Amino acid sequence: MIGKICLEDQQDGIRSACQFPIYQAAKIILDLTNKQRRREAINDYPEKIRPHIEAEVRRLWNVNR
């Protein structure tokens, strides 16, 4: 998951295999203490992966509220 290709262009199996690392990244981001640190952590990911991590962060945030 280095962000050189779009996940949307990949086969279902590849997209499925990427879901767990995306989930793990989202959990790490949500463990950060403040909003600014979370935003910086999200921005550290490659541009093509970032939307997937952001969506997972939002999903987990809503589940845990």
PDB file of N, CA and C in Angstrom:
ATOM      1  N   MET A   1       0.822  -1.187   0.000  1.00  0.00           N
ATOM      2  CA  MET A   1       0.000   0.000   0.000  1.00  0.00           C
ATOM      3  C   MET A   1       0.867   1.252   0.000  1.00  0.00           C
ATOM      4  N   ILE A   2       1.563   1.425  -1.087  1.00  0.00           N
ATOM      5  CA  ILE A   2       2.416   2.601  -1.180  1.00  0.00           C
ATOM      6  C   ILE A   2       1.767   3.712  -1.990  1.00  0.00           C
ATOM      7  N   GLY A   3       0.586   3.464  -2.515  1.00  0.00           N
ATOM      8  CA  GLY A   3      -0.180   4.517  -3.147  1.00  0.00           C
ATOM      9  C   GLY A   3       0.180   4.826  -4.582  1.00  0.00           C
ATOM     10  N   LYS A   4       0.771   3.887  -5.284  1.00  0.00           N
ATOM     11  CA  LYS A   4       1.117   4.143  -6.678  1.00  0.00           C
ATOM     12  C   LYS A   4      -0.034   3.874  -7.635  1.00  0.00           C
ATOM     13  N   ILE A   5      -0.998   3.062  -7.184  1.00  0.00           N
ATOM     14  CA  ILE A   5      -2.147   2.746  -8.025  1.00  0.00           C
ATOM     15  C   ILE A   5      -3.428   2.949  -7.224  1.00  0.00           C
ATOM     16  N   CYS A   6      -4.502   3.225  -7.924  1.00  0.00           N
ATOM     17  CA  CYS A   6      -5.794   3.427  -7.263  1.00  0.00           C
ATOM     18  C   CYS A   6      -6.399   2.079  -6.892  1.00  0.00           C
ATOM     19  N   LEU A   7      -6.942   2.006  -5.696  1.00  0.00           N
ATOM     20  CA  LEU A   7      -7.591   0.769  -5.275  1.00  0.00           C
ATOM     21  C   LEU A   7      -8.825   0.477  -6.116  1.00  0.00           C
ATOM     22  N   GLU A   8      -9.483   1.516  -6.583  1.00  0.00           N
ATOM     23  CA  GLU A   8     -10.686   1.327  -7.383  1.00  0.00           C
ATOM     24  C   GLU A   8     -10.408   0.569  -8.674  1.00  0.00           C
ATOM     25  N   ASP A   9      -9.167   0.650  -9.158  1.00  0.00           N
ATOM     26  CA  ASP A   9      -8.796  -0.006 -10.414  1.00  0.00           C
ATOM     27  C   ASP A   9      -8.346  -1.448 -10.214  1.00  0.00           C
ATOM     28  N   GLN A  10      -8.321  -1.920  -8.987  1.00  0.00           N
ATOM     29  CA  GLN A  10      -7.799  -3.251  -8.677  1.00  0.00           C
ATOM     30  C   GLN A  10      -8.914  -4.289  -8.588  1.00  0.00           C
ATOM     31  N   GLN A  11      -8.501  -5.541  -8.647  1.00  0.00           N
ATOM     32  CA  GLN A  11      -9.442  -6.651  -8.531  1.00  0.00           C
ATOM     33  C   GLN A  11     -10.006  -6.694  -7.119  1.00  0.00           C
ATOM     34  N   ASP A  12     -11.138  -7.377  -6.985  1.00  0.00           N
ATOM     35  CA  ASP A  12     -11.805  -7.474  -5.686  1.00  0.00           C
ATOM     36  C   ASP A  12     -10.900  -8.067  -4.616  1.00  0.00           C
ATOM     37  N   GLY A  13     -10.121  -9.060  -4.951  1.00  0.00           N
ATOM     38  CA  GLY A  13      -9.241  -9.703  -3.982  1.00  0.00           C
ATOM     39  C   GLY A  13      -8.181  -8.756  -3.436  1.00  0.00           C
ATOM     40  N   ILE A  14      -7.646  -7.931  -4.291  1.00  0.00           N
ATOM     41  CA  ILE A  14      -6.634  -6.962  -3.861  1.00  0.00           C
ATOM     42  C   ILE A  14      -7.274  -5.911  -2.975  1.00  0.00           C
ATOM     43  N   ARG A  15      -8.439  -5.415  -3.371  1.00  0.00           N
ATOM     44  CA  ARG A  15      -9.138  -4.423  -2.544  1.00  0.00           C
ATOM     45  C   ARG A  15      -9.482  -5.013  -1.181  1.00  0.00           C
ATOM     46  N   SER A  16      -9.904  -6.258  -1.179  1.00  0.00           N
ATOM     47  CA  SER A  16     -10.241  -6.927   0.074  1.00  0.00           C
ATOM     48  C   SER A  16      -9.012  -7.072   0.970  1.00  0.00           C
ATOM     49  N   ALA A  17      -7.890  -7.432   0.392  1.00  0.00           N
ATOM     50  CA  ALA A  17      -6.657  -7.601   1.167  1.00  0.00           C
ATOM     51  C   ALA A  17      -6.173  -6.281   1.751  1.00  0.00           C
ATOM     52  N   CYS A  18      -6.533  -5.171   1.148  1.00  0.00           N
ATOM     53  CA  CYS A  18      -6.111  -3.860   1.637  1.00  0.00           C
ATOM     54  C   CYS A  18      -6.992  -3.343   2.773  1.00  0.00           C
ATOM     55  N   GLN A  19      -8.152  -3.928   2.956  1.00  0.00           N
ATOM     56  CA  GLN A  19      -9.086  -3.428   3.965  1.00  0.00           C
ATOM     57  C   GLN A  19      -8.528  -3.505   5.386  1.00  0.00           C
ATOM     58  N   PHE A  20      -7.844  -4.587   5.741  1.00  0.00           N
ATOM     59  CA  PHE A  20      -7.340  -4.713   7.101  1.00  0.00           C
ATOM     60  C   PHE A  20      -6.239  -3.690   7.390  1.00  0.00           C
ATOM     61  N   PRO A  21      -5.250  -3.495   6.507  1.00  0.00           N
ATOM     62  CA  PRO A  21      -4.264  -2.434   6.770  1.00  0.00           C
ATOM     63  C   PRO A  21      -4.895  -1.037   6.850  1.00  0.00           C
ATOM     64  N   ILE A  22      -5.935  -0.795   6.061  1.00  0.00           N
ATOM     65  CA  ILE A  22      -6.637   0.487   6.134  1.00  0.00           C
ATOM     66  C   ILE A  22      -7.318   0.627   7.486  1.00  0.00           C
ATOM     67  N   TYR A  23      -7.946  -0.438   7.945  1.00  0.00           N
ATOM     68  CA  TYR A  23      -8.578  -0.447   9.267  1.00  0.00           C
ATOM     69  C   TYR A  23      -7.537  -0.177  10.362  1.00  0.00           C
ATOM     70  N   GLN A  24      -6.397  -0.843  10.283  1.00  0.00           N
ATOM     71  CA  GLN A  24      -5.348  -0.650  11.282  1.00  0.00           C
ATOM     72  C   GLN A  24      -4.848   0.792  11.292  1.00  0.00           C
ATOM     73  N   ALA A  25      -4.674   1.369  10.120  1.00  0.00           N
ATOM     74  CA  ALA A  25      -4.236   2.766  10.037  1.00  0.00           C
ATOM     75  C   ALA A  25      -5.266   3.692  10.666  1.00  0.00           C
ATOM     76  N   ALA A  26      -6.533   3.427  10.414  1.00  0.00           N
ATOM     77  CA  ALA A  26      -7.598   4.253  10.981  1.00  0.00           C
ATOM     78  C   ALA A  26      -7.615   4.153  12.506  1.00  0.00           C
ATOM     79  N   LYS A  27      -7.413   2.967  13.032  1.00  0.00           N
ATOM     80  CA  LYS A  27      -7.372   2.786  14.489  1.00  0.00           C
ATOM     81  C   LYS A  27      -6.213   3.573  15.100  1.00  0.00           C
ATOM     82  N   ILE A  28      -5.060   3.538  14.468  1.00  0.00           N
ATOM     83  CA  ILE A  28      -3.895   4.286  14.962  1.00  0.00           C
ATOM     84  C   ILE A  28      -4.204   5.779  14.958  1.00  0.00           C
ATOM     85  N   ILE A  29      -4.822   6.253  13.900  1.00  0.00           N
ATOM     86  CA  ILE A  29      -5.155   7.676  13.793  1.00  0.00           C
ATOM     87  C   ILE A  29      -6.153   8.077  14.873  1.00  0.00           C
ATOM     88  N   LEU A  30      -7.143   7.253  15.115  1.00  0.00           N
ATOM     89  CA  LEU A  30      -8.151   7.587  16.130  1.00  0.00           C
ATOM     90  C   LEU A  30      -7.588   7.547  17.542  1.00  0.00           C
ATOM     91  N   ASP A  31      -6.487   6.854  17.741  1.00  0.00           N
ATOM     92  CA  ASP A  31      -5.853   6.812  19.056  1.00  0.00           C
ATOM     93  C   ASP A  31      -5.065   8.087  19.364  1.00  0.00           C
ATOM     94  N   LEU A  32      -4.843   8.922  18.355  1.00  0.00           N
ATOM     95  CA  LEU A  32      -4.123  10.177  18.588  1.00  0.00           C
ATOM     96  C   LEU A  32      -4.983  11.135  19.405  1.00  0.00           C
ATOM     97  N   THR A  33      -4.323  12.022  20.139  1.00  0.00           N
ATOM     98  CA  THR A  33      -5.020  12.800  21.154  1.00  0.00           C
ATOM     99  C   THR A  33      -5.806  14.002  20.649  1.00  0.00           C
ATOM    100  N   ASN A  34      -5.384  14.625  19.576  1.00  0.00           N
ATOM    101  CA  ASN A  34      -6.140  15.804  19.132  1.00  0.00           C
ATOM    102  C   ASN A  34      -6.356  15.813  17.624  1.00  0.00           C
ATOM    103  N   LYS A  35      -7.263  16.663  17.211  1.00  0.00           N
ATOM    104  CA  LYS A  35      -7.693  16.716  15.816  1.00  0.00           C
ATOM    105  C   LYS A  35      -6.540  17.067  14.870  1.00  0.00           C
ATOM    106  N   GLN A  36      -5.701  18.002  15.266  1.00  0.00           N
ATOM    107  CA  GLN A  36      -4.574  18.415  14.414  1.00  0.00           C
ATOM    108  C   GLN A  36      -3.617  17.247  14.177  1.00  0.00           C
ATOM    109  N   ARG A  37      -3.322  16.496  15.212  1.00  0.00           N
ATOM    110  CA  ARG A  37      -2.429  15.338  15.061  1.00  0.00           C
ATOM    111  C   ARG A  37      -3.062  14.279  14.168  1.00  0.00           C
ATOM    112  N   ARG A  38      -4.362  14.084  14.299  1.00  0.00           N
ATOM    113  CA  ARG A  38      -5.046  13.110  13.435  1.00  0.00           C
ATOM    114  C   ARG A  38      -4.971  13.543  11.971  1.00  0.00           C
ATOM    115  N   ARG A  39      -5.204  14.833  11.699  1.00  0.00           N
ATOM    116  CA  ARG A  39      -5.145  15.346  10.325  1.00  0.00           C
ATOM    117  C   ARG A  39      -3.740  15.180   9.750  1.00  0.00           C
ATOM    118  N   GLU A  40      -2.733  15.483  10.539  1.00  0.00           N
ATOM    119  CA  GLU A  40      -1.349  15.330  10.079  1.00  0.00           C
ATOM    120  C   GLU A  40      -1.044  13.863   9.766  1.00  0.00           C
ATOM    121  N   ALA A  41      -1.530  12.964  10.600  1.00  0.00           N
ATOM    122  CA  ALA A  41      -1.291  11.536  10.383  1.00  0.00           C
ATOM    123  C   ALA A  41      -1.973  11.066   9.099  1.00  0.00           C
ATOM    124  N   ILE A  42      -3.181  11.526   8.859  1.00  0.00           N
ATOM    125  CA  ILE A  42      -3.875  11.158   7.620  1.00  0.00           C
ATOM    126  C   ILE A  42      -3.107  11.684   6.416  1.00  0.00           C
ATOM    127  N   ASN A  43      -2.615  12.899   6.507  1.00  0.00           N
ATOM    128  CA  ASN A  43      -1.888  13.507   5.389  1.00  0.00           C
ATOM    129  C   ASN A  43      -0.545  12.842   5.116  1.00  0.00           C
ATOM    130  N   ASP A  44      -0.046  12.041   6.046  1.00  0.00           N
ATOM    131  CA  ASP A  44       1.210  11.318   5.828  1.00  0.00           C
ATOM    132  C   ASP A  44       1.046  10.159   4.841  1.00  0.00           C
ATOM    133  N   TYR A  45      -0.188   9.732   4.603  1.00  0.00           N
ATOM    134  CA  TYR A  45      -0.429   8.613   3.688  1.00  0.00           C
ATOM    135  C   TYR A  45      -0.462   9.113   2.251  1.00  0.00           C
ATOM    136  N   PRO A  46      -0.117   8.237   1.297  1.00  0.00           N
ATOM    137  CA  PRO A  46      -0.143   8.639  -0.121  1.00  0.00           C
ATOM    138  C   PRO A  46      -1.538   9.098  -0.542  1.00  0.00           C
ATOM    139  N   GLU A  47      -1.565   9.978  -1.492  1.00  0.00           N
ATOM    140  CA  GLU A  47      -2.803  10.611  -1.951  1.00  0.00           C
ATOM    141  C   GLU A  47      -3.851   9.610  -2.435  1.00  0.00           C
ATOM    142  N   LYS A  48      -3.423   8.527  -3.042  1.00  0.00           N
ATOM    143  CA  LYS A  48      -4.380   7.557  -3.585  1.00  0.00           C
ATOM    144  C   LYS A  48      -4.949   6.633  -2.513  1.00  0.00           C
ATOM    145  N   ILE A  49      -4.303   6.547  -1.366  1.00  0.00           N
ATOM    146  CA  ILE A  49      -4.770   5.706  -0.263  1.00  0.00           C
ATOM    147  C   ILE A  49      -5.564   6.535   0.746  1.00  0.00           C
ATOM    148  N   ARG A  50      -5.232   7.796   0.846  1.00  0.00           N
ATOM    149  CA  ARG A  50      -5.813   8.695   1.858  1.00  0.00           C
ATOM    150  C   ARG A  50      -7.342   8.689   1.909  1.00  0.00           C
ATOM    151  N   PRO A  51      -8.056   8.748   0.785  1.00  0.00           N
ATOM    152  CA  PRO A  51      -9.524   8.764   0.878  1.00  0.00           C
ATOM    153  C   PRO A  51     -10.097   7.509   1.543  1.00  0.00           C
ATOM    154  N   HIS A  52      -9.443   6.389   1.345  1.00  0.00           N
ATOM    155  CA  HIS A  52      -9.913   5.145   1.948  1.00  0.00           C
ATOM    156  C   HIS A  52      -9.687   5.159   3.459  1.00  0.00           C
ATOM    157  N   ILE A  53      -8.564   5.700   3.870  1.00  0.00           N
ATOM    158  CA  ILE A  53      -8.283   5.802   5.301  1.00  0.00           C
ATOM    159  C   ILE A  53      -9.221   6.816   5.944  1.00  0.00           C
ATOM    160  N   GLU A  54      -9.443   7.935   5.289  1.00  0.00           N
ATOM    161  CA  GLU A  54     -10.372   8.938   5.822  1.00  0.00           C
ATOM    162  C   GLU A  54     -11.773   8.351   5.988  1.00  0.00           C
ATOM    163  N   ALA A  55     -12.216   7.589   5.006  1.00  0.00           N
ATOM    164  CA  ALA A  55     -13.548   6.982   5.091  1.00  0.00           C
ATOM    165  C   ALA A  55     -13.621   5.985   6.241  1.00  0.00           C
ATOM    166  N   GLU A  56     -12.560   5.235   6.446  1.00  0.00           N
ATOM    167  CA  GLU A  56     -12.553   4.263   7.537  1.00  0.00           C
ATOM    168  C   GLU A  56     -12.496   4.963   8.892  1.00  0.00           C
ATOM    169  N   VAL A  57     -11.757   6.061   8.977  1.00  0.00           N
ATOM    170  CA  VAL A  57     -11.726   6.847  10.221  1.00  0.00           C
ATOM    171  C   VAL A  57     -13.126   7.358  10.537  1.00  0.00           C
ATOM    172  N   ARG A  58     -13.818   7.895   9.547  1.00  0.00           N
ATOM    173  CA  ARG A  58     -15.184   8.383   9.758  1.00  0.00           C
ATOM    174  C   ARG A  58     -16.122   7.254  10.186  1.00  0.00           C
ATOM    175  N   ARG A  59     -15.987   6.113   9.529  1.00  0.00           N
ATOM    176  CA  ARG A  59     -16.843   4.969   9.863  1.00  0.00           C
ATOM    177  C   ARG A  59     -16.623   4.537  11.309  1.00  0.00           C
ATOM    178  N   LEU A  60     -15.368   4.391  11.702  1.00  0.00           N
ATOM    179  CA  LEU A  60     -15.062   3.966  13.071  1.00  0.00           C
ATOM    180  C   LEU A  60     -15.465   5.028  14.078  1.00  0.00           C
ATOM    181  N   TRP A  61     -15.280   6.292  13.725  1.00  0.00           N
ATOM    182  CA  TRP A  61     -15.669   7.392  14.626  1.00  0.00           C
ATOM    183  C   TRP A  61     -17.178   7.316  14.906  1.00  0.00           C
ATOM    184  N   ASN A  62     -17.967   7.097  13.861  1.00  0.00           N
ATOM    185  CA  ASN A  62     -19.417   7.024  14.014  1.00  0.00           C
ATOM    186  C   ASN A  62     -19.844   5.777  14.784  1.00  0.00           C
ATOM    187  N   VAL A  63     -19.149   4.682  14.610  1.00  0.00           N
ATOM    188  CA  VAL A  63     -19.481   3.457  15.341  1.00  0.00           C
ATOM    189  C   VAL A  63     -19.207   3.622  16.831  1.00  0.00           C
ATOM    190  N   ASN A  64     -18.146   4.313  17.162  1.00  0.00           N
ATOM    191  CA  ASN A  64     -17.727   4.439  18.559  1.00  0.00           C
ATOM    192  C   ASN A  64     -18.365   5.611  19.293  1.00  0.00           C
ATOM    193  N   ARG A  65     -19.215   6.364  18.650  1.00  0.00           N
ATOM    194  CA  ARG A  65     -19.847   7.513  19.297  1.00  0.00           C
ATOM    195  C   ARG A  65     -20.975   7.108  20.167  1.00  0.00           C
TER     196      ARG A  65
END
